[in-house]
């Protein structure tokens, strides 16, 4: 949503609502994250970091263990609160994990955005050249 790229901006808008309910396929296959080395690195690293942090905080007792398993489509902060018997610490952990994930993805996203902007500029130049050639062809006819 905050990208300079038209494609990424529209993809962000289309992905936000499903993403709130943990349905991330529009982003995973639309960006694409799959088979993309630039976005593949944070796709692997971010869950490792946040899972490790969550495990440490749960084992140490800062965040209580889950007492219920909820449907996957439940929004993360609500699911964390409900599954830990309404623990505020679990909700805070979800927000912290989200911020950590943003920090990990940000530099990789900027590289990907730069690549996408270059692709869009190249496509625009091709379209402009095709329009110009069309105009020249029509004038000659």
Protein backbone atom coordinates (compact mmCIF):
# COMPACT_ATOMS: atom_id res chain seq x y z
CA UNK A 1 0.00 0.00 0.00
CA UNK A 2 2.92 2.35 0.63
CA UNK A 3 4.94 1.35 -2.41
CA UNK A 4 5.88 3.62 -5.29
CA UNK A 5 5.19 0.75 -7.69
CA UNK A 6 1.68 0.69 -9.14
CA UNK A 7 1.65 -3.11 -9.15
CA UNK A 8 2.82 -3.48 -5.55
CA UNK A 9 0.45 -0.74 -4.38
CA UNK A 10 -2.57 -2.48 -5.91
CA UNK A 11 -1.36 -5.87 -4.66
CA UNK A 12 -1.11 -4.43 -1.14
CA UNK A 13 -4.64 -3.08 -1.32
CA UNK A 14 -5.97 -6.41 -2.56
CA UNK A 15 -4.05 -8.41 0.06
CA UNK A 16 -4.83 -6.42 3.21
CA UNK A 17 -8.30 -7.80 3.98
CA UNK A 18 -7.46 -11.48 3.38
CA UNK A 19 -4.18 -10.92 5.26
CA UNK A 20 -6.06 -9.82 8.38
CA UNK A 21 -7.58 -13.31 8.40
CA UNK A 22 -4.25 -15.09 7.80
CA UNK A 23 -4.99 -15.76 4.13
CA UNK A 24 -1.70 -14.69 2.58
CA UNK A 25 -1.77 -16.45 -0.80
CA UNK A 26 -2.55 -13.25 -2.74
CA UNK A 27 0.71 -11.75 -1.45
CA UNK A 28 2.75 -14.96 -1.58
CA UNK A 29 1.92 -15.71 -5.21
CA UNK A 30 1.16 -12.14 -6.35
CA UNK A 31 4.45 -10.49 -5.36
CA UNK A 32 5.67 -13.31 -5.89
CA UNK A 33 7.46 -14.44 -2.76
CA UNK A 34 7.61 -18.01 -4.07
CA UNK A 35 10.74 -18.53 -6.20
CA UNK A 36 11.92 -14.97 -5.53
CA UNK A 37 15.38 -14.87 -3.92
CA UNK A 38 15.00 -11.26 -2.76
CA UNK A 39 11.78 -11.86 -0.81
CA UNK A 40 12.53 -15.52 -0.11
CA UNK A 41 15.24 -14.66 2.42
CA UNK A 42 13.00 -12.70 4.83
CA UNK A 43 10.20 -15.21 4.16
CA UNK A 44 12.43 -17.83 5.82
CA UNK A 45 14.25 -15.65 8.39
CA UNK A 46 11.29 -13.72 9.87
CA UNK A 47 9.35 -16.79 11.09
CA UNK A 48 12.54 -18.27 12.56
CA UNK A 49 13.19 -15.10 14.58
CA UNK A 50 9.60 -14.58 15.74
CA UNK A 51 9.05 -18.26 16.57
CA UNK A 52 12.26 -18.32 18.62
CA UNK A 53 11.23 -15.18 20.50
CA UNK A 54 7.73 -16.56 21.12
CA UNK A 55 9.13 -19.87 22.35
CA UNK A 56 11.56 -18.18 24.75
CA UNK A 57 8.85 -15.91 26.16
CA UNK A 58 6.42 -18.81 26.55
CA UNK A 59 8.92 -21.16 28.22
CA UNK A 60 10.09 -18.40 30.57
CA UNK A 61 6.48 -17.71 31.59
CA UNK A 62 6.27 -14.14 30.30
CA UNK A 63 3.52 -15.22 27.89
CA UNK A 64 1.19 -18.00 29.06
CA UNK A 65 0.87 -21.23 27.10
CA UNK A 66 -2.08 -21.74 24.80
CA UNK A 67 -5.18 -23.29 26.36
CA UNK A 68 -7.26 -23.47 23.17
CA UNK A 69 -6.67 -23.98 19.49
CA UNK A 70 -8.61 -21.57 17.30
CA UNK A 71 -9.38 -21.55 13.56
CA UNK A 72 -6.47 -20.38 11.39
CA UNK A 73 -8.54 -17.53 9.93
CA UNK A 74 -8.95 -15.79 13.30
CA UNK A 75 -7.04 -12.46 13.26
CA UNK A 76 -3.71 -12.91 15.08
CA UNK A 77 -4.12 -10.52 18.05
CA UNK A 78 -7.60 -11.84 18.83
CA UNK A 79 -6.46 -15.44 18.45
CA UNK A 80 -3.50 -14.81 20.76
CA UNK A 81 -5.69 -13.28 23.46
CA UNK A 82 -8.37 -15.96 23.24
CA UNK A 83 -6.04 -18.95 23.00
CA UNK A 84 -4.05 -17.87 26.07
CA UNK A 85 -7.13 -17.25 28.21
CA UNK A 86 -7.24 -13.51 27.38
CA UNK A 87 -3.61 -12.74 28.22
CA UNK A 88 -2.62 -9.20 27.29
CA UNK A 89 1.02 -10.33 27.05
CA UNK A 90 0.10 -12.64 24.17
CA UNK A 91 -1.54 -9.78 22.29
CA UNK A 92 1.50 -7.58 22.87
CA UNK A 93 3.75 -10.39 21.63
CA UNK A 94 1.77 -10.56 18.37
CA UNK A 95 2.31 -6.83 17.84
CA UNK A 96 6.03 -7.13 18.68
CA UNK A 97 6.38 -10.08 16.28
CA UNK A 98 4.63 -8.06 13.57
CA UNK A 99 7.04 -5.14 14.07
CA UNK A 100 10.04 -7.49 14.00
CA UNK A 101 8.74 -9.02 10.77
CA UNK A 102 8.32 -5.55 9.25
CA UNK A 103 11.89 -4.65 10.23
CA UNK A 104 13.25 -7.84 8.66
CA UNK A 105 11.26 -7.47 5.43
CA UNK A 106 11.78 -3.73 4.91
CA UNK A 107 15.28 -3.68 3.33
CA UNK A 108 14.44 -6.66 1.11
CA UNK A 109 11.15 -5.07 0.08
CA UNK A 110 12.93 -1.85 -0.93
CA UNK A 111 15.28 -3.86 -3.19
CA UNK A 112 12.32 -5.70 -4.70
CA UNK A 113 10.40 -2.43 -5.12
CA UNK A 114 13.37 -0.92 -6.98
CA UNK A 115 13.43 -3.93 -9.32
CA UNK A 116 9.67 -3.66 -9.86
CA UNK A 117 9.89 0.07 -10.61
CA UNK A 118 12.59 -0.64 -13.21
CA UNK A 119 10.32 -3.27 -14.83
CA UNK A 120 7.40 -0.85 -14.86
CA UNK A 121 9.54 1.91 -16.42
CA UNK A 122 10.74 -0.53 -19.09
CA UNK A 123 7.16 -1.59 -19.88
CA UNK A 124 6.06 2.04 -20.07
CA UNK A 125 8.92 2.85 -22.45
CA UNK A 126 7.92 -0.10 -24.66
CA UNK A 127 4.30 1.06 -24.69
CA UNK A 128 5.34 4.60 -25.59
CA UNK A 129 7.58 3.32 -28.40
CA UNK A 130 4.74 1.15 -29.72
CA UNK A 131 2.36 4.13 -29.68
CA UNK A 132 4.91 6.26 -31.50
CA UNK A 133 5.44 3.54 -34.12
CA UNK A 134 1.67 3.23 -34.51
CA UNK A 135 1.41 6.97 -35.11
CA UNK A 136 4.20 6.90 -37.71
CA UNK A 137 2.63 3.91 -39.49
CA UNK A 138 -0.79 5.57 -39.62
CA UNK A 139 0.68 8.82 -40.98
CA UNK A 140 2.40 6.95 -43.80
CA UNK A 141 -0.77 5.12 -44.81
